[in-house]
Amino acid sequence: MFRSINGKIVWRRSRFCSDEIVCGVTYVYASFNDTFVHVTDLLGKQLVEHRLIVTRLALRCYVAALYVGGKCKSLGITALHMKLRAAGENCTKTPGPGAQSALRALARSSMNIVKIDNIL
């Protein structure tokens, strides 16, 4: 995806057919204060990242996930495998309010949701 020309990193878009389904993996970490959304390809290379720090409002998480969905469309990703994660260990094991709104926004941005996993 990246190549270096004279020491500068240049983004090279992959060319996919319009009918081809390209799947990415979305990691959503949602505590009650922070929400992180990362999109990687199937090998684990990070393609898109968006962080919301100290936001408890679900609306901001929704807007951030719409931004991530738009970036995925521009990269040619059409389907997503969602992995939701909460704080865990000593904290609560349920995701914060940003997880549901991020999932809803990615589904409404015409991305196909293949599978939803809950990571503890």
PDB file of N, CA and C in Angstrom:
ATOM      1  N   MET A   1       0.803  -1.188   0.000  1.00  0.00           N
ATOM      2  CA  MET A   1       0.000   0.000   0.000  1.00  0.00           C
ATOM      3  C   MET A   1       0.853   1.262   0.000  1.00  0.00           C
ATOM      4  N   PHE A   2       1.985   1.230   0.702  1.00  0.00           N
ATOM      5  CA  PHE A   2       2.871   2.381   0.735  1.00  0.00           C
ATOM      6  C   PHE A   2       4.117   2.085  -0.086  1.00  0.00           C
ATOM      7  N   ARG A   3       4.659   3.083  -0.694  1.00  0.00           N
ATOM      8  CA  ARG A   3       5.950   2.952  -1.350  1.00  0.00           C
ATOM      9  C   ARG A   3       6.717   4.244  -1.142  1.00  0.00           C
ATOM     10  N   SER A   4       8.021   4.127  -1.179  1.00  0.00           N
ATOM     11  CA  SER A   4       8.866   5.274  -0.889  1.00  0.00           C
ATOM     12  C   SER A   4       9.500   5.782  -2.173  1.00  0.00           C
ATOM     13  N   ILE A   5       9.386   7.077  -2.407  1.00  0.00           N
ATOM     14  CA  ILE A   5      10.013   7.718  -3.560  1.00  0.00           C
ATOM     15  C   ILE A   5      10.904   8.828  -3.015  1.00  0.00           C
ATOM     16  N   ASN A   6      12.198   8.660  -3.171  1.00  0.00           N
ATOM     17  CA  ASN A   6      13.183   9.643  -2.699  1.00  0.00           C
ATOM     18  C   ASN A   6      12.998   9.987  -1.218  1.00  0.00           C
ATOM     19  N   GLY A   7      12.728   8.972  -0.415  1.00  0.00           N
ATOM     20  CA  GLY A   7      12.568   9.194   1.016  1.00  0.00           C
ATOM     21  C   GLY A   7      11.197   9.678   1.437  1.00  0.00           C
ATOM     22  N   LYS A   8      10.281   9.905   0.497  1.00  0.00           N
ATOM     23  CA  LYS A   8       8.929  10.342   0.823  1.00  0.00           C
ATOM     24  C   LYS A   8       7.985   9.156   0.693  1.00  0.00           C
ATOM     25  N   ILE A   9       7.088   9.036   1.641  1.00  0.00           N
ATOM     26  CA  ILE A   9       6.127   7.943   1.609  1.00  0.00           C
ATOM     27  C   ILE A   9       4.921   8.389   0.797  1.00  0.00           C
ATOM     28  N   VAL A  10       4.556   7.592  -0.188  1.00  0.00           N
ATOM     29  CA  VAL A  10       3.457   7.923  -1.091  1.00  0.00           C
ATOM     30  C   VAL A  10       2.410   6.826  -0.975  1.00  0.00           C
ATOM     31  N   TRP A  11       1.166   7.234  -0.860  1.00  0.00           N
ATOM     32  CA  TRP A  11       0.063   6.278  -0.798  1.00  0.00           C
ATOM     33  C   TRP A  11      -0.282   5.826  -2.204  1.00  0.00           C
ATOM     34  N   ARG A  12      -0.324   4.513  -2.381  1.00  0.00           N
ATOM     35  CA  ARG A  12      -0.675   3.959  -3.678  1.00  0.00           C
ATOM     36  C   ARG A  12      -1.987   3.205  -3.509  1.00  0.00           C
ATOM     37  N   ARG A  13      -2.994   3.645  -4.209  1.00  0.00           N
ATOM     38  CA  ARG A  13      -4.299   2.999  -4.098  1.00  0.00           C
ATOM     39  C   ARG A  13      -4.292   1.673  -4.815  1.00  0.00           C
ATOM     40  N   SER A  14      -4.887   0.684  -4.177  1.00  0.00           N
ATOM     41  CA  SER A  14      -5.054  -0.600  -4.836  1.00  0.00           C
ATOM     42  C   SER A  14      -6.222  -0.491  -5.801  1.00  0.00           C
ATOM     43  N   ARG A  15      -6.120  -1.185  -6.875  1.00  0.00           N
ATOM     44  CA  ARG A  15      -7.202  -1.138  -7.865  1.00  0.00           C
ATOM     45  C   ARG A  15      -8.023  -2.409  -7.769  1.00  0.00           C
ATOM     46  N   PHE A  16      -9.285  -2.243  -7.447  1.00  0.00           N
ATOM     47  CA  PHE A  16     -10.194  -3.358  -7.317  1.00  0.00           C
ATOM     48  C   PHE A  16     -11.294  -3.208  -8.354  1.00  0.00           C
ATOM     49  N   CYS A  17     -11.895  -4.327  -8.721  1.00  0.00           N
ATOM     50  CA  CYS A  17     -13.059  -4.282  -9.597  1.00  0.00           C
ATOM     51  C   CYS A  17     -14.230  -3.717  -8.799  1.00  0.00           C
ATOM     52  N   SER A  18     -15.184  -3.155  -9.480  1.00  0.00           N
ATOM     53  CA  SER A  18     -16.320  -2.561  -8.779  1.00  0.00           C
ATOM     54  C   SER A  18     -17.219  -3.624  -8.155  1.00  0.00           C
ATOM     55  N   ASP A  19     -17.218  -4.852  -8.681  1.00  0.00           N
ATOM     56  CA  ASP A  19     -18.063  -5.910  -8.143  1.00  0.00           C
ATOM     57  C   ASP A  19     -17.356  -6.726  -7.067  1.00  0.00           C
ATOM     58  N   GLU A  20     -16.073  -6.494  -6.859  1.00  0.00           N
ATOM     59  CA  GLU A  20     -15.301  -7.294  -5.929  1.00  0.00           C
ATOM     60  C   GLU A  20     -15.573  -6.850  -4.490  1.00  0.00           C
ATOM     61  N   ILE A  21     -15.697  -7.819  -3.585  1.00  0.00           N
ATOM     62  CA  ILE A  21     -15.905  -7.526  -2.173  1.00  0.00           C
ATOM     63  C   ILE A  21     -14.544  -7.521  -1.493  1.00  0.00           C
ATOM     64  N   VAL A  22     -14.180  -6.382  -0.920  1.00  0.00           N
ATOM     65  CA  VAL A  22     -12.909  -6.241  -0.217  1.00  0.00           C
ATOM     66  C   VAL A  22     -13.230  -6.065   1.259  1.00  0.00           C
ATOM     67  N   CYS A  23     -12.710  -6.961   2.081  1.00  0.00           N
ATOM     68  CA  CYS A  23     -13.048  -6.975   3.496  1.00  0.00           C
ATOM     69  C   CYS A  23     -11.930  -6.352   4.321  1.00  0.00           C
ATOM     70  N   GLY A  24     -12.299  -5.593   5.328  1.00  0.00           N
ATOM     71  CA  GLY A  24     -11.363  -5.016   6.283  1.00  0.00           C
ATOM     72  C   GLY A  24     -11.799  -5.384   7.689  1.00  0.00           C
ATOM     73  N   VAL A  25     -10.916  -5.209   8.647  1.00  0.00           N
ATOM     74  CA  VAL A  25     -11.214  -5.511  10.043  1.00  0.00           C
ATOM     75  C   VAL A  25     -11.265  -4.194  10.808  1.00  0.00           C
ATOM     76  N   THR A  26     -12.358  -3.964  11.519  1.00  0.00           N
ATOM     77  CA  THR A  26     -12.538  -2.736  12.288  1.00  0.00           C
ATOM     78  C   THR A  26     -12.442  -3.056  13.772  1.00  0.00           C
ATOM     79  N   TYR A  27     -11.532  -2.380  14.450  1.00  0.00           N
ATOM     80  CA  TYR A  27     -11.375  -2.525  15.893  1.00  0.00           C
ATOM     81  C   TYR A  27     -11.955  -1.278  16.550  1.00  0.00           C
ATOM     82  N   VAL A  28     -12.952  -1.472  17.408  1.00  0.00           N
ATOM     83  CA  VAL A  28     -13.575  -0.360  18.124  1.00  0.00           C
ATOM     84  C   VAL A  28     -13.328  -0.579  19.611  1.00  0.00           C
ATOM     85  N   TYR A  29     -12.534   0.300  20.222  1.00  0.00           N
ATOM     86  CA  TYR A  29     -12.317   0.282  21.669  1.00  0.00           C
ATOM     87  C   TYR A  29     -13.171   1.394  22.250  1.00  0.00           C
ATOM     88  N   ALA A  30     -14.123   1.025  23.092  1.00  0.00           N
ATOM     89  CA  ALA A  30     -15.048   2.017  23.637  1.00  0.00           C
ATOM     90  C   ALA A  30     -15.128   1.877  25.149  1.00  0.00           C
ATOM     91  N   SER A  31     -14.500   2.798  25.848  1.00  0.00           N
ATOM     92  CA  SER A  31     -14.696   2.906  27.290  1.00  0.00           C
ATOM     93  C   SER A  31     -15.708   4.035  27.502  1.00  0.00           C
ATOM     94  N   PHE A  32     -15.935   4.417  28.746  1.00  0.00           N
ATOM     95  CA  PHE A  32     -16.921   5.467  28.975  1.00  0.00           C
ATOM     96  C   PHE A  32     -16.367   6.854  28.691  1.00  0.00           C
ATOM     97  N   ASN A  33     -15.049   6.983  28.524  1.00  0.00           N
ATOM     98  CA  ASN A  33     -14.471   8.286  28.218  1.00  0.00           C
ATOM     99  C   ASN A  33     -13.913   8.367  26.806  1.00  0.00           C
ATOM    100  N   ASP A  34     -13.341   7.291  26.297  1.00  0.00           N
ATOM    101  CA  ASP A  34     -12.622   7.321  25.028  1.00  0.00           C
ATOM    102  C   ASP A  34     -13.240   6.345  24.037  1.00  0.00           C
ATOM    103  N   THR A  35     -13.076   6.653  22.757  1.00  0.00           N
ATOM    104  CA  THR A  35     -13.479   5.745  21.690  1.00  0.00           C
ATOM    105  C   THR A  35     -12.416   5.791  20.607  1.00  0.00           C
ATOM    106  N   PHE A  36     -11.860   4.636  20.275  1.00  0.00           N
ATOM    107  CA  PHE A  36     -10.864   4.516  19.213  1.00  0.00           C
ATOM    108  C   PHE A  36     -11.434   3.620  18.127  1.00  0.00           C
ATOM    109  N   VAL A  37     -11.306   4.041  16.877  1.00  0.00           N
ATOM    110  CA  VAL A  37     -11.761   3.243  15.737  1.00  0.00           C
ATOM    111  C   VAL A  37     -10.576   3.060  14.798  1.00  0.00           C
ATOM    112  N   HIS A  38     -10.187   1.806  14.562  1.00  0.00           N
ATOM    113  CA  HIS A  38      -9.086   1.483  13.658  1.00  0.00           C
ATOM    114  C   HIS A  38      -9.612   0.542  12.586  1.00  0.00           C
ATOM    115  N   VAL A  39      -9.195   0.730  11.356  1.00  0.00           N
ATOM    116  CA  VAL A  39      -9.532  -0.192  10.275  1.00  0.00           C
ATOM    117  C   VAL A  39      -8.230  -0.726   9.708  1.00  0.00           C
ATOM    118  N   THR A  40      -8.127  -2.050   9.635  1.00  0.00           N
ATOM    119  CA  THR A  40      -6.948  -2.694   9.065  1.00  0.00           C
ATOM    120  C   THR A  40      -7.391  -3.597   7.929  1.00  0.00           C
ATOM    121  N   ASP A  41      -6.412  -4.023   7.117  1.00  0.00           N
ATOM    122  CA  ASP A  41      -6.732  -5.049   6.140  1.00  0.00           C
ATOM    123  C   ASP A  41      -6.635  -6.403   6.840  1.00  0.00           C
ATOM    124  N   LEU A  42      -6.808  -7.489   6.106  1.00  0.00           N
ATOM    125  CA  LEU A  42      -6.835  -8.803   6.735  1.00  0.00           C
ATOM    126  C   LEU A  42      -5.479  -9.226   7.280  1.00  0.00           C
ATOM    127  N   LEU A  43      -4.406  -8.609   6.815  1.00  0.00           N
ATOM    128  CA  LEU A  43      -3.074  -8.932   7.314  1.00  0.00           C
ATOM    129  C   LEU A  43      -2.717  -8.142   8.562  1.00  0.00           C
ATOM    130  N   GLY A  44      -3.488  -7.120   8.894  1.00  0.00           N
ATOM    131  CA  GLY A  44      -3.245  -6.328  10.090  1.00  0.00           C
ATOM    132  C   GLY A  44      -2.594  -4.985   9.838  1.00  0.00           C
ATOM    133  N   LYS A  45      -2.408  -4.607   8.578  1.00  0.00           N
ATOM    134  CA  LYS A  45      -1.834  -3.295   8.277  1.00  0.00           C
ATOM    135  C   LYS A  45      -2.898  -2.227   8.513  1.00  0.00           C
ATOM    136  N   GLN A  46      -2.550  -1.215   9.280  1.00  0.00           N
ATOM    137  CA  GLN A  46      -3.516  -0.179   9.627  1.00  0.00           C
ATOM    138  C   GLN A  46      -3.756   0.741   8.440  1.00  0.00           C
ATOM    139  N   LEU A  47      -5.023   0.917   8.088  1.00  0.00           N
ATOM    140  CA  LEU A  47      -5.390   1.760   6.954  1.00  0.00           C
ATOM    141  C   LEU A  47      -5.988   3.084   7.408  1.00  0.00           C
ATOM    142  N   VAL A  48      -6.909   3.033   8.363  1.00  0.00           N
ATOM    143  CA  VAL A  48      -7.607   4.233   8.829  1.00  0.00           C
ATOM    144  C   VAL A  48      -7.619   4.208  10.355  1.00  0.00           C
ATOM    145  N   GLU A  49      -7.430   5.368  10.965  1.00  0.00           N
ATOM    146  CA  GLU A  49      -7.481   5.471  12.422  1.00  0.00           C
ATOM    147  C   GLU A  49      -8.187   6.761  12.797  1.00  0.00           C
ATOM    148  N   HIS A  50      -9.035   6.676  13.810  1.00  0.00           N
ATOM    149  CA  HIS A  50      -9.683   7.885  14.318  1.00  0.00           C
ATOM    150  C   HIS A  50      -9.839   7.733  15.823  1.00  0.00           C
ATOM    151  N   ARG A  51      -9.427   8.735  16.569  1.00  0.00           N
ATOM    152  CA  ARG A  51      -9.485   8.700  18.025  1.00  0.00           C
ATOM    153  C   ARG A  51     -10.387   9.811  18.534  1.00  0.00           C
ATOM    154  N   LEU A  52     -11.179   9.467  19.513  1.00  0.00           N
ATOM    155  CA  LEU A  52     -11.977  10.459  20.229  1.00  0.00           C
ATOM    156  C   LEU A  52     -11.627  10.330  21.702  1.00  0.00           C
ATOM    157  N   ILE A  53     -10.952  11.318  22.234  1.00  0.00           N
ATOM    158  CA  ILE A  53     -10.509  11.248  23.616  1.00  0.00           C
ATOM    159  C   ILE A  53     -11.369  12.185  24.457  1.00  0.00           C
ATOM    160  N   VAL A  54     -11.811  11.693  25.588  1.00  0.00           N
ATOM    161  CA  VAL A  54     -12.653  12.406  26.544  1.00  0.00           C
ATOM    162  C   VAL A  54     -13.936  12.882  25.875  1.00  0.00           C
ATOM    163  N   THR A  55     -14.613  11.954  25.260  1.00  0.00           N
ATOM    164  CA  THR A  55     -15.930  12.271  24.707  1.00  0.00           C
ATOM    165  C   THR A  55     -16.905  11.206  25.173  1.00  0.00           C
ATOM    166  N   ARG A  56     -17.919  11.626  25.852  1.00  0.00           N
ATOM    167  CA  ARG A  56     -18.940  10.688  26.298  1.00  0.00           C
ATOM    168  C   ARG A  56     -20.178  10.762  25.418  1.00  0.00           C
ATOM    169  N   LEU A  57     -20.201  11.700  24.509  1.00  0.00           N
ATOM    170  CA  LEU A  57     -21.376  11.869  23.669  1.00  0.00           C
ATOM    171  C   LEU A  57     -21.368  10.853  22.541  1.00  0.00           C
ATOM    172  N   ALA A  58     -22.492  10.191  22.348  1.00  0.00           N
ATOM    173  CA  ALA A  58     -22.593   9.203  21.282  1.00  0.00           C
ATOM    174  C   ALA A  58     -22.611   9.869  19.911  1.00  0.00           C
ATOM    175  N   LEU A  59     -23.044  11.124  19.839  1.00  0.00           N
ATOM    176  CA  LEU A  59     -23.111  11.822  18.554  1.00  0.00           C
ATOM    177  C   LEU A  59     -21.719  12.016  17.961  1.00  0.00           C
ATOM    178  N   ARG A  60     -20.739  12.360  18.775  1.00  0.00           N
ATOM    179  CA  ARG A  60     -19.383  12.539  18.262  1.00  0.00           C
ATOM    180  C   ARG A  60     -18.805  11.223  17.759  1.00  0.00           C
ATOM    181  N   CYS A  61     -19.103  10.136  18.432  1.00  0.00           N
ATOM    182  CA  CYS A  61     -18.645   8.823  17.971  1.00  0.00           C
ATOM    183  C   CYS A  61     -19.306   8.461  16.650  1.00  0.00           C
ATOM    184  N   TYR A  62     -20.561   8.850  16.489  1.00  0.00           N
ATOM    185  CA  TYR A  62     -21.278   8.600  15.244  1.00  0.00           C
ATOM    186  C   TYR A  62     -20.615   9.352  14.089  1.00  0.00           C
ATOM    187  N   VAL A  63     -20.280  10.616  14.306  1.00  0.00           N
ATOM    188  CA  VAL A  63     -19.642  11.426  13.262  1.00  0.00           C
ATOM    189  C   VAL A  63     -18.257  10.878  12.932  1.00  0.00           C
ATOM    190  N   ALA A  64     -17.521  10.428  13.949  1.00  0.00           N
ATOM    191  CA  ALA A  64     -16.192   9.860  13.719  1.00  0.00           C
ATOM    192  C   ALA A  64     -16.279   8.577  12.902  1.00  0.00           C
ATOM    193  N   ALA A  65     -17.263   7.746  13.195  1.00  0.00           N
ATOM    194  CA  ALA A  65     -17.414   6.504  12.438  1.00  0.00           C
ATOM    195  C   ALA A  65     -17.876   6.783  11.009  1.00  0.00           C
ATOM    196  N   LEU A  66     -18.668   7.834  10.796  1.00  0.00           N
ATOM    197  CA  LEU A  66     -19.021   8.215   9.425  1.00  0.00           C
ATOM    198  C   LEU A  66     -17.779   8.641   8.651  1.00  0.00           C
ATOM    199  N   TYR A  67     -16.861   9.347   9.315  1.00  0.00           N
ATOM    200  CA  TYR A  67     -15.591   9.734   8.695  1.00  0.00           C
ATOM    201  C   TYR A  67     -14.780   8.493   8.316  1.00  0.00           C
ATOM    202  N   VAL A  68     -14.719   7.525   9.218  1.00  0.00           N
ATOM    203  CA  VAL A  68     -13.982   6.286   8.944  1.00  0.00           C
ATOM    204  C   VAL A  68     -14.641   5.522   7.802  1.00  0.00           C
ATOM    205  N   GLY A  69     -15.970   5.491   7.764  1.00  0.00           N
ATOM    206  CA  GLY A  69     -16.669   4.821   6.669  1.00  0.00           C
ATOM    207  C   GLY A  69     -16.391   5.463   5.325  1.00  0.00           C
ATOM    208  N   GLY A  70     -16.330   6.786   5.289  1.00  0.00           N
ATOM    209  CA  GLY A  70     -15.992   7.484   4.045  1.00  0.00           C
ATOM    210  C   GLY A  70     -14.579   7.191   3.584  1.00  0.00           C
ATOM    211  N   LYS A  71     -13.627   7.133   4.542  1.00  0.00           N
ATOM    212  CA  LYS A  71     -12.245   6.803   4.186  1.00  0.00           C
ATOM    213  C   LYS A  71     -12.143   5.365   3.670  1.00  0.00           C
ATOM    214  N   CYS A  72     -12.926   4.463   4.256  1.00  0.00           N
ATOM    215  CA  CYS A  72     -12.915   3.068   3.789  1.00  0.00           C
ATOM    216  C   CYS A  72     -13.448   2.968   2.365  1.00  0.00           C
ATOM    217  N   LYS A  73     -14.494   3.733   2.075  1.00  0.00           N
ATOM    218  CA  LYS A  73     -15.034   3.736   0.714  1.00  0.00           C
ATOM    219  C   LYS A  73     -14.006   4.241  -0.281  1.00  0.00           C
ATOM    220  N   SER A  74     -13.277   5.290   0.098  1.00  0.00           N
ATOM    221  CA  SER A  74     -12.281   5.840  -0.821  1.00  0.00           C
ATOM    222  C   SER A  74     -11.117   4.880  -1.030  1.00  0.00           C
ATOM    223  N   LEU A  75     -10.852   3.999  -0.060  1.00  0.00           N
ATOM    224  CA  LEU A  75      -9.797   2.997  -0.214  1.00  0.00           C
ATOM    225  C   LEU A  75     -10.279   1.755  -0.952  1.00  0.00           C
ATOM    226  N   GLY A  76     -11.578   1.617  -1.128  1.00  0.00           N
ATOM    227  CA  GLY A  76     -12.121   0.484  -1.861  1.00  0.00           C
ATOM    228  C   GLY A  76     -12.610  -0.651  -0.985  1.00  0.00           C
ATOM    229  N   ILE A  77     -12.693  -0.438   0.323  1.00  0.00           N
ATOM    230  CA  ILE A  77     -13.175  -1.478   1.235  1.00  0.00           C
ATOM    231  C   ILE A  77     -14.695  -1.459   1.213  1.00  0.00           C
ATOM    232  N   THR A  78     -15.301  -2.632   1.019  1.00  0.00           N
ATOM    233  CA  THR A  78     -16.757  -2.701   0.923  1.00  0.00           C
ATOM    234  C   THR A  78     -17.399  -3.468   2.072  1.00  0.00           C
ATOM    235  N   ALA A  79     -16.646  -4.307   2.778  1.00  0.00           N
ATOM    236  CA  ALA A  79     -17.199  -5.111   3.863  1.00  0.00           C
ATOM    237  C   ALA A  79     -16.288  -5.003   5.084  1.00  0.00           C
ATOM    238  N   LEU A  80     -16.889  -5.081   6.277  1.00  0.00           N
ATOM    239  CA  LEU A  80     -16.128  -4.936   7.513  1.00  0.00           C
ATOM    240  C   LEU A  80     -16.421  -6.074   8.474  1.00  0.00           C
ATOM    241  N   HIS A  81     -15.385  -6.533   9.136  1.00  0.00           N
ATOM    242  CA  HIS A  81     -15.477  -7.493  10.232  1.00  0.00           C
ATOM    243  C   HIS A  81     -15.248  -6.687  11.503  1.00  0.00           C
ATOM    244  N   MET A  82     -16.283  -6.509  12.334  1.00  0.00           N
ATOM    245  CA  MET A  82     -16.212  -5.628  13.501  1.00  0.00           C
ATOM    246  C   MET A  82     -15.719  -6.393  14.722  1.00  0.00           C
ATOM    247  N   LYS A  83     -14.792  -5.786  15.460  1.00  0.00           N
ATOM    248  CA  LYS A  83     -14.324  -6.335  16.729  1.00  0.00           C
ATOM    249  C   LYS A  83     -14.464  -5.240  17.780  1.00  0.00           C
ATOM    250  N   LEU A  84     -15.398  -5.437  18.718  1.00  0.00           N
ATOM    251  CA  LEU A  84     -15.675  -4.458  19.765  1.00  0.00           C
ATOM    252  C   LEU A  84     -14.924  -4.842  21.031  1.00  0.00           C
ATOM    253  N   ARG A  85     -14.361  -3.855  21.705  1.00  0.00           N
ATOM    254  CA  ARG A  85     -13.594  -4.111  22.917  1.00  0.00           C
ATOM    255  C   ARG A  85     -13.943  -3.074  23.968  1.00  0.00           C
ATOM    256  N   ALA A  86     -14.041  -3.530  25.211  1.00  0.00           N
ATOM    257  CA  ALA A  86     -14.276  -2.633  26.342  1.00  0.00           C
ATOM    258  C   ALA A  86     -12.991  -2.514  27.154  1.00  0.00           C
ATOM    259  N   ALA A  87     -13.062  -1.795  28.254  1.00  0.00           N
ATOM    260  CA  ALA A  87     -11.868  -1.595  29.079  1.00  0.00           C
ATOM    261  C   ALA A  87     -11.402  -2.906  29.705  1.00  0.00           C
ATOM    262  N   GLY A  88     -12.320  -3.728  30.217  1.00  0.00           N
ATOM    263  CA  GLY A  88     -11.975  -5.037  30.749  1.00  0.00           C
ATOM    264  C   GLY A  88     -11.196  -4.990  32.054  1.00  0.00           C
ATOM    265  N   GLU A  89     -10.654  -6.138  32.438  1.00  0.00           N
ATOM    266  CA  GLU A  89      -9.890  -6.368  33.666  1.00  0.00           C
ATOM    267  C   GLU A  89     -10.604  -5.799  34.878  1.00  0.00           C
ATOM    268  N   ASN A  90     -10.069  -4.780  35.526  1.00  0.00           N
ATOM    269  CA  ASN A  90     -10.685  -4.235  36.735  1.00  0.00           C
ATOM    270  C   ASN A  90     -11.879  -3.350  36.421  1.00  0.00           C
ATOM    271  N   CYS A  91     -11.933  -2.808  35.218  1.00  0.00           N
ATOM    272  CA  CYS A  91     -13.030  -1.915  34.821  1.00  0.00           C
ATOM    273  C   CYS A  91     -14.202  -2.732  34.290  1.00  0.00           C
ATOM    274  N   THR A  92     -15.194  -2.062  33.755  1.00  0.00           N
ATOM    275  CA  THR A  92     -16.369  -2.757  33.244  1.00  0.00           C
ATOM    276  C   THR A  92     -16.025  -3.560  31.999  1.00  0.00           C
ATOM    277  N   LYS A  93     -16.731  -4.643  31.810  1.00  0.00           N
ATOM    278  CA  LYS A  93     -16.489  -5.498  30.659  1.00  0.00           C
ATOM    279  C   LYS A  93     -17.498  -5.257  29.539  1.00  0.00           C
ATOM    280  N   THR A  94     -18.324  -4.220  29.701  1.00  0.00           N
ATOM    281  CA  THR A  94     -19.267  -3.862  28.650  1.00  0.00           C
ATOM    282  C   THR A  94     -18.749  -2.630  27.920  1.00  0.00           C
ATOM    283  N   PRO A  95     -18.905  -2.583  26.603  1.00  0.00           N
ATOM    284  CA  PRO A  95     -18.433  -1.411  25.855  1.00  0.00           C
ATOM    285  C   PRO A  95     -19.202  -0.152  26.237  1.00  0.00           C
ATOM    286  N   GLY A  96     -18.562   0.980  26.049  1.00  0.00           N
ATOM    287  CA  GLY A  96     -19.172   2.264  26.368  1.00  0.00           C
ATOM    288  C   GLY A  96     -20.216   2.669  25.342  1.00  0.00           C
ATOM    289  N   PRO A  97     -20.785   3.853  25.493  1.00  0.00           N
ATOM    290  CA  PRO A  97     -21.860   4.295  24.603  1.00  0.00           C
ATOM    291  C   PRO A  97     -21.396   4.555  23.175  1.00  0.00           C
ATOM    292  N   GLY A  98     -20.102   4.726  22.956  1.00  0.00           N
ATOM    293  CA  GLY A  98     -19.605   5.003  21.612  1.00  0.00           C
ATOM    294  C   GLY A  98     -19.587   3.796  20.703  1.00  0.00           C
ATOM    295  N   ALA A  99     -19.598   2.591  21.266  1.00  0.00           N
ATOM    296  CA  ALA A  99     -19.509   1.379  20.444  1.00  0.00           C
ATOM    297  C   ALA A  99     -20.766   1.188  19.601  1.00  0.00           C
ATOM    298  N   GLN A 100     -21.924   1.372  20.218  1.00  0.00           N
ATOM    299  CA  GLN A 100     -23.176   1.177  19.490  1.00  0.00           C
ATOM    300  C   GLN A 100     -23.352   2.223  18.397  1.00  0.00           C
ATOM    301  N   SER A 101     -23.020   3.461  18.686  1.00  0.00           N
ATOM    302  CA  SER A 101     -23.183   4.501  17.675  1.00  0.00           C
ATOM    303  C   SER A 101     -22.162   4.347  16.553  1.00  0.00           C
ATOM    304  N   ALA A 102     -20.952   3.867  16.862  1.00  0.00           N
ATOM    305  CA  ALA A 102     -19.957   3.625  15.812  1.00  0.00           C
ATOM    306  C   ALA A 102     -20.409   2.494  14.895  1.00  0.00           C
ATOM    307  N   LEU A 103     -20.966   1.445  15.481  1.00  0.00           N
ATOM    308  CA  LEU A 103     -21.480   0.330  14.680  1.00  0.00           C
ATOM    309  C   LEU A 103     -22.633   0.785  13.794  1.00  0.00           C
ATOM    310  N   ARG A 104     -23.536   1.588  14.346  1.00  0.00           N
ATOM    311  CA  ARG A 104     -24.678   2.090  13.587  1.00  0.00           C
ATOM    312  C   ARG A 104     -24.230   2.989  12.431  1.00  0.00           C
ATOM    313  N   ALA A 105     -23.233   3.832  12.679  1.00  0.00           N
ATOM    314  CA  ALA A 105     -22.763   4.749  11.641  1.00  0.00           C
ATOM    315  C   ALA A 105     -22.073   3.999  10.511  1.00  0.00           C
ATOM    316  N   LEU A 106     -21.278   2.990  10.835  1.00  0.00           N
ATOM    317  CA  LEU A 106     -20.614   2.216   9.783  1.00  0.00           C
ATOM    318  C   LEU A 106     -21.622   1.424   8.959  1.00  0.00           C
ATOM    319  N   ALA A 107     -22.685   0.942   9.596  1.00  0.00           N
ATOM    320  CA  ALA A 107     -23.719   0.225   8.852  1.00  0.00           C
ATOM    321  C   ALA A 107     -24.495   1.176   7.942  1.00  0.00           C
ATOM    322  N   ARG A 108     -24.713   2.411   8.388  1.00  0.00           N
ATOM    323  CA  ARG A 108     -25.461   3.376   7.578  1.00  0.00           C
ATOM    324  C   ARG A 108     -24.628   4.018   6.482  1.00  0.00           C
ATOM    325  N   SER A 109     -23.308   3.858   6.550  1.00  0.00           N
ATOM    326  CA  SER A 109     -22.462   4.409   5.489  1.00  0.00           C
ATOM    327  C   SER A 109     -22.278   3.396   4.367  1.00  0.00           C
ATOM    328  N   SER A 110     -23.252   2.535   4.193  1.00  0.00           N
ATOM    329  CA  SER A 110     -23.340   1.515   3.133  1.00  0.00           C
ATOM    330  C   SER A 110     -22.154   0.557   3.136  1.00  0.00           C
ATOM    331  N   MET A 111     -21.637   0.244   4.331  1.00  0.00           N
ATOM    332  CA  MET A 111     -20.623  -0.794   4.468  1.00  0.00           C
ATOM    333  C   MET A 111     -21.331  -2.084   4.852  1.00  0.00           C
ATOM    334  N   ASN A 112     -20.910  -3.193   4.282  1.00  0.00           N
ATOM    335  CA  ASN A 112     -21.471  -4.483   4.649  1.00  0.00           C
ATOM    336  C   ASN A 112     -20.778  -4.971   5.916  1.00  0.00           C
ATOM    337  N   ILE A 113     -21.561  -5.267   6.957  1.00  0.00           N
ATOM    338  CA  ILE A 113     -21.010  -5.790   8.201  1.00  0.00           C
ATOM    339  C   ILE A 113     -21.065  -7.309   8.106  1.00  0.00           C
ATOM    340  N   VAL A 114     -19.898  -7.939   8.047  1.00  0.00           N
ATOM    341  CA  VAL A 114     -19.829  -9.384   7.868  1.00  0.00           C
ATOM    342  C   VAL A 114     -20.038 -10.096   9.194  1.00  0.00           C
ATOM    343  N   LYS A 115     -19.330  -9.659  10.226  1.00  0.00           N
ATOM    344  CA  LYS A 115     -19.381 -10.344  11.504  1.00  0.00           C
ATOM    345  C   LYS A 115     -19.073  -9.345  12.608  1.00  0.00           C
ATOM    346  N   ILE A 116     -19.686  -9.550  13.781  1.00  0.00           N
ATOM    347  CA  ILE A 116     -19.430  -8.696  14.937  1.00  0.00           C
ATOM    348  C   ILE A 116     -18.922  -9.582  16.068  1.00  0.00           C
ATOM    349  N   ASP A 117     -17.711  -9.295  16.555  1.00  0.00           N
ATOM    350  CA  ASP A 117     -17.122 -10.040  17.662  1.00  0.00           C
ATOM    351  C   ASP A 117     -16.976  -9.128  18.859  1.00  0.00           C
ATOM    352  N   ASN A 118     -17.099  -9.723  20.048  1.00  0.00           N
ATOM    353  CA  ASN A 118     -16.864  -8.995  21.284  1.00  0.00           C
ATOM    354  C   ASN A 118     -15.572  -9.520  21.880  1.00  0.00           C
ATOM    355  N   ILE A 119     -14.563  -8.667  21.978  1.00  0.00           N
ATOM    356  CA  ILE A 119     -13.264  -9.066  22.497  1.00  0.00           C
ATOM    357  C   ILE A 119     -13.185  -8.633  23.946  1.00  0.00           C
ATOM    358  N   LEU A 120     -12.826  -9.551  24.826  1.00  0.00           N
ATOM    359  CA  LEU A 120     -12.706  -9.198  26.247  1.00  0.00           C
ATOM    360  C   LEU A 120     -11.286  -8.886  26.601  1.00  0.00           C
TER     361      LEU A 120
END
